[in-house]
Protein backbone atom coordinates (compact mmCIF):
# COMPACT_ATOMS: atom_id res chain seq x y z
CA MET A 1 59.40 74.26 101.68
CA SER A 2 60.62 75.73 98.42
CA ASP A 3 62.27 73.73 95.67
CA GLN A 4 64.34 76.83 94.89
CA PRO A 5 68.05 76.58 95.78
CA ALA A 6 69.24 78.94 98.47
CA GLN A 7 70.29 82.19 96.88
CA GLN A 8 74.06 82.44 96.81
CA ILE A 9 75.42 85.58 98.40
CA LYS A 10 77.80 87.45 96.10
CA LYS A 11 81.28 88.05 97.46
CA PRO A 12 82.51 91.62 97.13
CA PHE A 13 85.01 92.19 94.35
CA LEU A 14 88.34 93.88 95.12
CA TYR A 15 90.54 95.44 92.47
CA VAL A 16 94.19 95.44 93.50
CA VAL A 17 96.08 98.11 91.56
CA VAL A 18 99.78 97.24 91.45
CA CYS A 19 102.49 99.78 90.62
CA ALA A 20 106.12 99.32 89.58
CA ALA A 21 107.89 98.82 92.90
CA GLY A 22 110.35 96.17 94.01
CA ILE A 23 107.84 94.59 96.37
CA ALA A 24 105.07 94.26 93.76
CA GLY A 25 105.97 90.61 93.25
CA ASP A 26 104.65 89.92 96.76
CA VAL A 27 101.09 91.02 95.85
CA GLY A 28 100.02 87.39 96.28
CA ARG A 29 100.12 88.06 100.02
CA LEU A 30 97.33 90.64 99.68
CA ILE A 31 95.39 88.43 97.29
CA THR A 32 95.54 85.50 99.73
CA ALA A 33 94.51 87.67 102.68
CA ALA A 34 91.59 89.10 100.69
CA GLN A 35 90.42 85.69 99.52
CA ASP A 36 90.69 84.36 103.09
CA ALA A 37 88.47 87.28 104.16
CA ASN A 38 85.82 86.32 101.56
CA TRP A 39 86.69 88.74 98.75
CA GLU A 40 87.02 87.94 95.08
CA VAL A 41 90.07 89.65 93.62
CA GLY A 42 91.23 90.97 90.27
CA VAL A 43 94.54 92.70 89.57
CA VAL A 44 95.07 95.85 87.52
CA ALA A 45 98.72 96.71 86.95
CA THR A 46 100.28 99.89 85.71
CA PRO A 47 102.14 99.23 82.43
CA GLN A 48 105.48 99.34 84.26
CA GLY A 49 104.08 97.42 87.24
CA LEU A 50 103.18 94.50 84.99
CA GLY A 51 106.87 93.69 84.61
CA PHE A 52 107.22 93.25 88.37
CA LEU A 53 104.59 90.49 88.56
CA ASP A 54 104.56 86.78 87.91
CA ALA A 55 101.49 87.19 85.72
CA PRO A 56 100.65 83.48 85.30
CA ALA A 57 100.84 82.93 89.08
CA VAL A 58 98.66 85.97 89.84
CA GLU A 59 96.10 84.99 87.20
CA GLU A 60 95.97 81.44 88.55
CA GLN A 61 95.54 82.72 92.09
CA THR A 62 92.72 85.14 91.21
CA GLY A 63 91.09 83.25 88.35
CA TYR A 64 91.07 86.46 86.29
CA PRO A 65 93.43 87.99 83.72
CA ILE A 66 95.60 90.87 84.89
CA ARG A 67 94.42 94.09 83.30
CA SER A 68 96.96 96.67 82.23
CA ALA A 69 95.57 98.21 79.04
CA TRP A 70 92.22 99.50 77.94
CA ARG A 71 89.99 97.03 76.17
CA LEU A 72 88.77 97.68 72.66
CA PRO A 73 85.17 98.74 72.02
CA GLY A 74 82.99 95.66 72.00
CA ASP A 75 85.46 93.53 73.96
CA PRO A 76 83.94 91.89 77.04
CA ARG A 77 84.83 93.25 80.46
CA PRO A 78 87.34 90.79 81.92
CA LEU A 79 86.63 91.79 85.54
CA PRO A 80 83.37 92.35 87.39
CA PRO A 81 82.77 95.88 88.67
CA ALA A 82 84.80 96.76 91.76
CA ASP A 83 83.18 96.99 95.19
CA ALA A 84 86.47 98.34 96.56
CA ILE A 85 89.99 99.13 95.35
CA ALA A 86 93.37 98.67 97.03
CA VAL A 87 96.38 100.40 95.48
CA ALA A 88 99.35 98.41 96.72
CA PRO A 89 102.16 99.11 96.37
CA ALA A 90 101.46 102.70 95.34
CA THR A 91 104.40 104.59 93.92
CA PHE A 92 105.26 108.29 94.11
CA ASN A 93 104.40 108.63 90.42
CA THR A 94 100.98 106.98 90.65
CA ILE A 95 99.98 108.86 93.81
CA ASN A 96 100.87 112.24 92.30
CA LYS A 97 99.25 111.56 88.92
CA TRP A 98 96.08 110.20 90.55
CA ALA A 99 95.73 113.21 92.85
CA ALA A 100 96.23 115.52 89.86
CA GLY A 101 93.52 113.72 87.88
CA ILE A 102 95.88 112.38 85.23
CA SER A 103 94.35 109.34 83.58
CA ASP A 104 97.01 108.19 81.11
CA THR A 105 96.91 104.47 81.98
CA LEU A 106 94.10 102.04 82.66
CA ALA A 107 95.08 101.87 86.35
CA LEU A 108 94.94 105.66 86.72
CA GLY A 109 91.71 105.82 84.73
CA ILE A 110 90.09 103.35 87.14
CA LEU A 111 91.41 105.28 90.15
CA CYS A 112 90.26 108.65 88.80
CA GLU A 113 86.76 107.30 88.12
CA ALA A 114 86.50 105.49 91.48
CA HIS A 115 85.91 108.78 93.27
CA GLY A 116 82.94 109.63 91.05
CA PHE A 117 81.49 106.15 91.46
CA GLY A 118 81.89 106.26 95.25
CA ILE A 119 84.02 103.09 95.30
CA PRO A 120 85.89 102.77 98.62
CA THR A 121 89.59 103.01 97.85
CA ALA A 122 92.64 102.41 100.02
CA VAL A 123 96.22 103.26 99.09
CA LEU A 124 99.37 101.77 100.58
CA PRO A 125 102.21 104.10 99.57
CA TYR A 126 105.63 102.58 98.97
CA LEU A 127 108.35 105.12 98.29
CA ASN A 128 111.63 106.35 99.64
CA SER A 129 112.17 109.28 102.00
CA ALA A 130 113.72 111.48 99.28
CA GLN A 131 110.56 111.12 97.19
CA ALA A 132 108.35 111.66 100.24
CA ALA A 133 110.20 114.94 100.95
CA HIS A 134 109.02 116.41 97.64
CA PRO A 135 106.23 118.95 98.34
CA ALA A 136 103.99 117.43 95.66
CA TYR A 137 103.72 114.21 97.68
CA ALA A 138 102.23 115.84 100.78
CA ARG A 139 99.83 117.85 98.61
CA SER A 140 98.81 114.70 96.74
CA LEU A 141 98.11 112.78 99.95
CA GLU A 142 95.99 115.67 101.20
CA GLN A 143 94.07 115.78 97.91
CA LEU A 144 93.42 112.03 98.09
CA ARG A 145 92.25 112.32 101.72
CA GLU A 146 89.83 115.08 100.65
CA MET A 147 88.50 112.63 98.05
CA GLY A 148 87.85 110.08 100.80
CA VAL A 149 90.76 107.78 99.91
CA LEU A 150 91.95 105.74 102.89
CA ILE A 151 95.73 106.00 103.27
CA GLY A 152 97.98 103.40 104.87
CA SER A 153 100.77 104.40 107.21
CA TYR A 154 103.94 103.03 105.60
CA GLU A 155 107.04 104.93 106.74
CA PRO A 156 109.14 105.71 103.64
CA HIS A 157 112.39 103.77 103.41
CA GLN A 158 115.87 105.21 102.88
CA PRO A 159 116.83 105.81 99.24
CA LYS A 160 119.05 103.20 97.61
CA ALA A 161 118.83 101.00 100.71
CA GLY A 162 116.91 98.08 99.25
CA GLY A 163 113.37 98.99 100.23
CA GLY A 164 111.49 98.26 103.40
CA ALA A 165 109.59 95.23 102.24
CA ASP A 166 109.78 93.73 105.72
CA ARG A 167 107.73 96.68 107.04
CA PHE A 168 105.14 96.78 104.24
CA ARG A 169 101.81 95.57 105.64
CA TRP A 170 99.77 94.27 102.69
CA GLU A 171 96.85 93.41 104.98
CA ALA A 172 96.51 97.10 105.96
CA ALA A 173 94.50 97.61 102.75
CA LEU A 174 91.86 95.17 103.98
CA GLU A 175 91.87 96.71 107.45
CA LEU A 176 91.08 100.08 105.88
CA LEU A 177 88.45 98.80 103.44
CA THR A 178 86.55 96.17 105.43
CA PRO A 179 84.59 98.70 107.52
CA LYS A 180 83.43 100.30 104.24
CA VAL A 181 82.29 97.16 102.37
CA PRO A 182 79.86 94.56 103.71
CA LEU A 183 81.36 91.10 103.30
CA ALA A 184 79.29 88.07 102.38
CA GLY A 185 79.10 85.54 105.17
């Protein structure tokens, strides 16, 4: 019998990219579901999305700082590398910029690089039907699908009608990603 301690199995690390949408403050629901499913979680917010979060509560829940800006050269990496990424809620703006390869924020930079790194990525769009009617949106979703991004099935809500938060399924991100990432037991 060995005196060595049993090797601890590393939990997969999930980045949750949060965009500026009215339901972003409920991201704790996805964090809890992920942690219950044996993921470690870190949050990356778009600069505008940061204002929709209770940052101290999210940081306490995850144990990591929320990232929203690039770090300076020589600064330590505040999050481990991602094993998977969930973009939830994903706005019209972020979806279109990501599909076009625009990397003008840390969140978009991470998403644009994820494809090249082969990191499984799921997106849960959250937008209204007027935005969804714009031709760029359909093209962007098709581009993301071609990149292997897994896309949730949220039905866009009516404009100026207060959202559709009751129909937003945070756990859909995990349902899409779990088959792609082996979880530690």
